[in-house]
Structures are given as structure tokens and as C-alpha cells.
Amino acid sequence: PLVLHLWSRCLQTAAGVCLQLDVRCEVKTAGSLTVEAGSAALLSCNISLATGEVVHQVRWLNRHKVPLLTYEPPARISHSQAHVQLTPSPRNASSITIRRVRPDDGGCYRCVFDVYPSGSQEGSTCISVTGKVHLEGNRTAVSGKPVSLSCWYSLPERVSQVLWTKTSEQGDSATVASYSKRGHHTPEPFRDRVRLSPTLGDSRLTVLSVRTEDEACYTCQFHTYPDGTRSSTACLSVYGETRSPQHPWEMVLPAFSPAPHKHNVRICGRVAGPSQ
């Protein structure tokens, strides 16, 4: 006959589930998270305990198995790295916050519960760190004057190409200009009308002399690895000038209205005329 030992034998599975003498104990986690660089990441674990079991200690480890935070419940901390803090959580749960996530913070984190009398039980949560596209926002310009649109990516070292496209009120799209390590590319009819900065992570598109047909929404698109293609859109409004003896510097608002999902902000300010 098969002899059962008096102590329990716990089999750890990929899901963090233990089978313990017909008692199911489990550590649950979020599984995976996508976090933007520079923001905070909240990692949490929940443990199900059998009757009579007690958590004596909780340890959080990074992908290199280096301890980030160790404590005895409810909050007696014995070790903590500077960028990690213990976050309040319910009983039989544990949460930590990583402040200002860095690109090298990506990977899998282990929460280890030291349980008496059954031993250690653990789960893991994996973080993917991505960048974010930032734009200066919607712009207005006077016909015949220059205007610039700017955008930047929070993880510039991941960018291999930046591409600007234009979408008109009618929904027609066209490539305006692009830049990569191999150089610039500006197709007609924009070649003599726009300038694109020779930079990847921080891009500036300048229209040298704005025309009415330049009124449109412009998308700044970063081709990155491993984040993929990331983009954001801003809209340009163009003001024409009508001159008359009564109103020599009157500004005429355009009729263009971008697609409903774009936020087109019109900034109306007084334009000073020539000094008398």
C-alpha cells in the first residue's frame, strides 16, 4: 500500500497553484501589465490559505531574483529598495508600487509568501515597459507665415524612424515627410514647402509658408522596437487675412472642422497692426 507522509507535499505549477493533501491553495496575480516609462506600476498578489495556515513573511523579487521588498504582515518592513514602496492591501494579499518605471524595469516579478506550516508559495507578474508619444497640441497659423508641429517619444533610443502624415477634412491621407538613420524623405508636393528636423526621438515639422490647403490633421508616427508603431495627432487651423480701410487686420476663421474624434482647439488672439 501507498504510505502517505505526515507532512504535505506541495507541487508548484505555472499558474502558481498548489495541491496540498486535497486542499487547494493558490496565489493569484494580474499575470501581465503594460506600463509607460516614467509612470508608476502597481503589482499585487492574493493568496488563498488553508485553515490554520499563517503568512509569516512576504518577499518581492525582480527578474534577477534580487529582493525588492521584504516584510512581515501587516507592514513590518525589513528590506526595501528606494524606488519601491509597500502599498496597503487586504488581508492575505500583498501589493507594491514601483515609482517611475524605467525601461530596465521590464520583466517578471515574483511575490513569495512564506507560509507556516506548509512552506513557501509564490506567483509572478510580468511588466512590459513602453514609451509614449507627446505632442505640443493643436496649432493655429496665419496664411503665408511659417508654423511648426512638434512631437517626441519618451524612449528615444527605441525609435528607428519618424513619419509625418496629413489627413484632410475629406479623409484623404498623404505622407508629408519622414526621417530615419538613412536620411530624409520628403515626397512631392511637400519637398520645397516643409522641413523636418534630422532627429528621431524628438521631431519638428515646419511648414515654411502656410496655405489654406495645409489646414488638416497631422499625425506624428514613431516606428520603434520593441514597442511597435506609436502615434499621436494634432490639427492645424489656418487663418486668412482680409484687408480693408475699416478692418485692416481682420482675421477670417476657416470653415474646416476635423473629424469628430480629433480635438481641434481654436486659439483666437488679437493681432496687432502696424504702428501709426
Protein backbone atom coordinates (compact mmCIF):
# COMPACT_ATOMS: atom_id res chain seq x y z
CA PRO A 1 0.00 0.00 0.00
CA LEU A 2 0.97 3.59 -0.57
CA VAL A 3 2.15 5.30 2.59
CA LEU A 4 1.32 8.97 2.95
CA HIS A 5 3.82 11.10 4.80
CA LEU A 6 2.52 13.17 7.69
CA TRP A 7 3.83 16.35 6.11
CA SER A 8 2.32 17.78 2.97
CA ARG A 9 3.95 17.74 -0.44
CA CYS A 10 3.23 20.84 -2.46
CA LEU A 11 3.52 20.79 -6.27
CA GLN A 12 4.05 24.23 -7.81
CA THR A 13 2.51 24.76 -11.27
CA ALA A 14 2.97 27.52 -13.84
CA ALA A 15 -0.22 29.16 -12.59
CA GLY A 16 1.07 29.26 -9.01
CA VAL A 17 -1.40 26.59 -7.81
CA CYS A 18 -0.52 24.08 -5.10
CA LEU A 19 -2.21 20.76 -4.37
CA GLN A 20 -1.82 20.03 -0.70
CA LEU A 21 -3.49 16.91 0.73
CA ASP A 22 -6.72 17.64 -1.17
CA VAL A 23 -6.64 21.27 -0.04
CA ARG A 24 -6.26 23.72 -2.93
CA CYS A 25 -4.03 26.70 -2.13
CA GLU A 26 -3.46 29.36 -4.74
CA VAL A 27 -1.55 32.57 -5.41
CA LYS A 28 -3.32 34.82 -7.91
CA THR A 29 -1.72 37.71 -9.80
CA ALA A 30 -2.60 40.05 -12.66
CA GLY A 31 -0.40 37.96 -14.96
CA SER A 32 0.99 40.77 -17.11
CA LEU A 33 0.94 44.56 -17.23
CA THR A 34 1.89 47.17 -19.81
CA VAL A 35 3.30 50.30 -18.20
CA GLU A 36 4.52 53.54 -19.75
CA ALA A 37 8.05 54.58 -18.85
CA GLY A 38 8.05 57.23 -16.14
CA SER A 39 4.70 56.21 -14.65
CA ALA A 40 4.06 54.09 -11.54
CA ALA A 41 3.36 50.34 -11.62
CA LEU A 42 1.18 48.59 -9.05
CA LEU A 43 1.89 44.87 -8.57
CA SER A 44 -0.46 42.72 -6.49
CA CYS A 45 -0.77 39.12 -5.31
CA ASN A 46 -3.56 37.34 -3.45
CA ILE A 47 -3.12 34.08 -1.57
CA SER A 48 -5.72 31.52 -0.52
CA LEU A 49 -4.79 29.77 2.72
CA ALA A 50 -5.95 26.51 4.28
CA THR A 51 -7.35 26.52 7.81
CA GLY A 52 -4.60 27.06 10.35
CA GLU A 53 -2.06 28.46 7.89
CA VAL A 54 -0.37 31.78 8.61
CA VAL A 55 1.76 34.05 6.41
CA HIS A 56 4.95 34.84 8.34
CA GLN A 57 6.75 36.84 5.65
CA VAL A 58 6.29 38.21 2.13
CA ARG A 59 9.14 38.78 -0.33
CA TRP A 60 9.08 40.55 -3.70
CA LEU A 61 11.87 39.68 -6.15
CA ASN A 62 12.75 41.12 -9.57
CA ARG A 63 13.62 39.14 -12.69
CA HIS A 64 17.21 38.72 -11.44
CA LYS A 65 15.87 37.23 -8.17
CA VAL A 66 17.09 40.32 -6.32
CA PRO A 67 14.86 41.23 -3.32
CA LEU A 68 12.94 44.47 -3.83
CA LEU A 69 10.92 44.46 -0.63
CA THR A 70 10.59 42.09 2.35
CA TYR A 71 8.17 42.46 5.23
CA GLU A 72 6.20 40.69 7.93
CA PRO A 73 2.44 41.27 7.71
CA PRO A 74 0.81 43.62 8.11
CA ALA A 75 3.62 46.11 7.39
CA ARG A 76 6.84 45.41 9.31
CA ILE A 77 9.39 46.10 6.57
CA SER A 78 12.86 44.58 6.90
CA HIS A 79 14.19 45.43 3.42
CA SER A 80 13.10 47.86 0.71
CA GLN A 81 14.74 49.40 -2.36
CA ALA A 82 14.40 53.17 -2.75
CA HIS A 83 12.08 53.12 -5.79
CA VAL A 84 9.70 50.52 -4.31
CA GLN A 85 7.05 51.09 -1.65
CA LEU A 86 4.64 48.81 0.17
CA THR A 87 1.06 49.62 -0.79
CA PRO A 88 -1.87 48.98 1.60
CA SER A 89 -3.75 45.80 0.70
CA PRO A 90 -6.40 43.50 2.20
CA ARG A 91 -5.57 40.54 4.40
CA ASN A 92 -3.95 37.62 2.54
CA ALA A 93 -2.87 39.97 -0.22
CA SER A 94 0.28 41.94 -0.99
CA SER A 95 0.86 44.99 -3.19
CA ILE A 96 3.89 47.08 -4.04
CA THR A 97 4.30 50.19 -6.16
CA ILE A 98 7.33 50.78 -8.37
CA ARG A 99 7.75 54.54 -8.70
CA ARG A 100 8.67 56.00 -12.09
CA VAL A 101 9.18 52.79 -14.06
CA ARG A 102 12.40 52.69 -16.10
CA PRO A 103 13.00 50.75 -19.33
CA ASP A 104 15.15 48.21 -17.48
CA ASP A 105 12.32 47.55 -15.01
CA GLY A 106 10.64 45.31 -17.57
CA GLY A 107 10.43 41.60 -16.76
CA CYS A 108 8.72 39.23 -14.35
CA TYR A 109 8.36 39.88 -10.62
CA ARG A 110 7.78 37.17 -8.01
CA CYS A 111 5.74 37.52 -4.86
CA VAL A 112 6.77 34.83 -2.37
CA PHE A 113 4.61 34.08 0.67
CA ASP A 114 6.42 32.23 3.45
CA VAL A 115 3.55 30.25 4.97
CA TYR A 116 3.53 28.20 8.17
CA PRO A 117 3.37 25.24 8.26
CA SER A 118 3.15 24.44 4.52
CA GLY A 119 6.17 26.44 3.29
CA SER A 120 6.65 28.99 0.50
CA GLN A 121 4.04 29.68 -2.14
CA GLU A 122 4.54 32.17 -4.98
CA GLY A 123 3.13 33.83 -8.07
CA SER A 124 4.53 36.14 -10.73
CA THR A 125 3.54 39.26 -12.65
CA CYS A 126 5.33 40.42 -15.80
CA ILE A 127 5.77 44.06 -16.81
CA SER A 128 6.24 45.36 -20.36
CA VAL A 129 7.60 48.91 -20.44
CA THR A 130 6.58 51.08 -23.39
CA GLY A 131 7.14 54.67 -24.40
CA LYS A 132 4.58 57.40 -25.04
CA VAL A 133 4.16 59.93 -27.86
CA HIS A 134 3.91 63.53 -26.69
CA LEU A 135 2.61 66.38 -28.87
CA GLU A 136 2.63 70.13 -28.34
CA GLY A 137 -1.05 70.08 -29.29
CA ASN A 138 -3.22 71.70 -31.93
CA ARG A 139 -1.89 74.80 -33.66
CA THR A 140 -3.16 77.86 -35.49
CA ALA A 141 -1.30 79.75 -38.21
CA VAL A 142 -1.69 82.80 -40.43
CA SER A 143 -1.68 82.18 -44.16
CA GLY A 144 1.75 82.90 -45.64
CA LYS A 145 3.56 82.53 -42.31
CA PRO A 146 5.64 79.56 -41.07
CA VAL A 147 4.35 77.14 -38.43
CA SER A 148 5.91 74.16 -36.65
CA LEU A 149 4.43 70.98 -35.22
CA SER A 150 6.49 69.07 -32.64
CA CYS A 151 6.33 65.64 -31.05
CA TRP A 152 8.66 63.41 -29.09
CA TYR A 153 8.86 59.82 -27.83
CA SER A 154 9.65 59.12 -24.18
CA LEU A 155 12.06 56.26 -25.08
CA PRO A 156 14.03 57.83 -27.96
CA GLU A 157 16.62 55.05 -28.07
CA ARG A 158 13.93 52.67 -29.38
CA VAL A 159 12.98 54.82 -32.40
CA SER A 160 14.20 53.74 -35.85
CA GLN A 161 12.05 56.09 -37.98
CA VAL A 162 9.69 59.04 -37.58
CA LEU A 163 6.95 59.67 -40.16
CA TRP A 164 4.55 62.60 -40.54
CA THR A 165 1.26 62.18 -42.42
CA LYS A 166 -1.52 64.63 -43.28
CA THR A 167 -5.25 63.86 -43.24
CA SER A 168 -7.56 66.38 -44.89
CA GLU A 169 -11.14 67.24 -43.96
CA GLN A 170 -12.30 64.84 -46.69
CA GLY A 171 -10.31 61.99 -45.08
CA ASP A 172 -7.54 61.85 -47.70
CA SER A 173 -4.14 60.92 -46.24
CA ALA A 174 -0.68 61.67 -47.59
CA THR A 175 2.88 61.25 -46.36
CA VAL A 176 4.45 64.64 -45.69
CA ALA A 177 7.98 63.71 -44.63
CA SER A 178 10.00 61.03 -42.84
CA TYR A 179 13.39 60.65 -41.24
CA SER A 180 15.48 57.60 -40.33
CA LYS A 181 19.15 56.85 -39.80
CA ARG A 182 19.42 56.55 -43.58
CA GLY A 183 18.29 60.14 -44.04
CA HIS A 184 15.30 62.28 -45.03
CA HIS A 185 12.49 61.53 -47.45
CA THR A 186 10.04 64.27 -48.48
CA PRO A 187 7.72 63.42 -51.38
CA GLU A 188 6.15 65.89 -53.77
CA PRO A 189 4.30 68.23 -53.39
CA PHE A 190 5.83 68.93 -49.96
CA ARG A 191 9.52 68.82 -50.91
CA ASP A 192 10.08 72.56 -51.18
CA ARG A 193 7.46 73.55 -48.63
CA VAL A 194 8.34 71.70 -45.42
CA ARG A 195 11.40 70.98 -43.30
CA LEU A 196 11.78 68.01 -40.94
CA SER A 197 14.36 68.00 -38.15
CA PRO A 198 17.14 65.35 -38.51
CA THR A 199 16.24 63.71 -35.20
CA LEU A 200 14.44 60.52 -34.20
CA GLY A 201 13.16 60.79 -30.63
CA ASP A 202 12.26 64.50 -30.87
CA SER A 203 10.74 65.57 -34.20
CA ARG A 204 9.77 69.00 -35.55
CA LEU A 205 7.89 69.50 -38.82
CA THR A 206 7.90 73.08 -40.17
CA VAL A 207 5.66 74.36 -42.95
CA LEU A 208 7.62 77.26 -44.42
CA SER A 209 4.70 79.25 -45.83
CA VAL A 210 1.26 78.11 -44.77
CA ARG A 211 -1.52 77.82 -47.34
CA THR A 212 -5.23 77.26 -46.89
CA GLU A 213 -4.87 73.68 -48.13
CA ASP A 214 -2.42 72.98 -45.28
CA GLU A 215 -5.34 73.07 -42.87
CA ALA A 216 -5.63 69.43 -41.79
CA CYS A 217 -4.77 66.97 -39.04
CA TYR A 218 -1.14 65.82 -38.86
CA THR A 219 -0.04 62.51 -37.37
CA CYS A 220 3.42 62.03 -35.89
CA GLN A 221 4.26 58.33 -36.16
CA PHE A 222 7.24 56.68 -34.45
CA HIS A 223 8.44 53.29 -35.64
CA THR A 224 10.00 51.66 -32.59
CA TYR A 225 11.35 48.35 -31.33
CA PRO A 226 10.00 46.51 -29.44
CA ASP A 227 7.03 48.85 -28.87
CA GLY A 228 5.88 48.80 -32.50
CA THR A 229 4.31 51.82 -34.20
CA ARG A 230 3.17 54.58 -31.83
CA SER A 231 1.48 57.78 -32.97
CA SER A 232 -0.47 60.86 -31.99
CA THR A 233 -2.37 63.51 -33.95
CA ALA A 234 -2.69 67.30 -33.82
CA CYS A 235 -4.74 69.58 -36.06
CA LEU A 236 -3.69 72.79 -37.79
CA SER A 237 -6.11 75.67 -38.38
CA VAL A 238 -5.20 78.33 -40.96
CA TYR A 239 -6.41 81.92 -40.79
CA GLY A 240 -6.67 84.01 -43.94
CA GLU A 241 -6.21 87.79 -43.98
CA THR A 242 -8.73 90.27 -45.42
CA ARG A 243 -7.68 93.90 -45.50
CA SER A 244 -10.00 96.89 -45.75
CA PRO A 245 -9.81 100.52 -44.63
CA GLN A 246 -12.22 99.78 -41.79
CA HIS A 247 -10.59 96.50 -40.64
CA PRO A 248 -7.04 96.30 -41.99
CA TRP A 249 -6.07 93.33 -39.79
CA GLU A 250 -9.28 91.33 -39.59
CA MET A 251 -8.68 87.56 -39.26
CA VAL A 252 -11.12 85.26 -41.07
CA LEU A 253 -11.85 81.94 -39.36
CA PRO A 254 -11.62 78.83 -41.59
CA ALA A 255 -14.55 76.56 -42.26
CA PHE A 256 -12.51 73.39 -41.73
CA SER A 257 -13.69 71.12 -38.93
CA PRO A 258 -11.66 67.95 -38.24
CA ALA A 259 -13.14 64.51 -37.69
CA PRO A 260 -15.24 64.25 -34.51
CA HIS A 261 -12.63 62.15 -32.66
CA LYS A 262 -9.97 64.83 -33.06
CA HIS A 263 -9.77 67.70 -30.61
CA ASN A 264 -9.32 70.86 -32.65
CA VAL A 265 -8.65 73.82 -30.40
CA ARG A 266 -9.05 77.26 -31.91
CA ILE A 267 -6.98 79.91 -30.18
CA CYS A 268 -8.20 83.38 -31.10
CA GLY A 269 -6.00 86.30 -30.15
CA ARG A 270 -5.74 89.90 -31.24
CA VAL A 271 -3.22 90.54 -34.00
CA ALA A 272 -1.55 93.90 -33.74
CA GLY A 273 -1.44 96.07 -36.84
CA PRO A 274 1.44 98.30 -37.89
CA SER A 275 2.28 101.15 -35.58
CA GLN A 276 0.90 104.51 -36.68
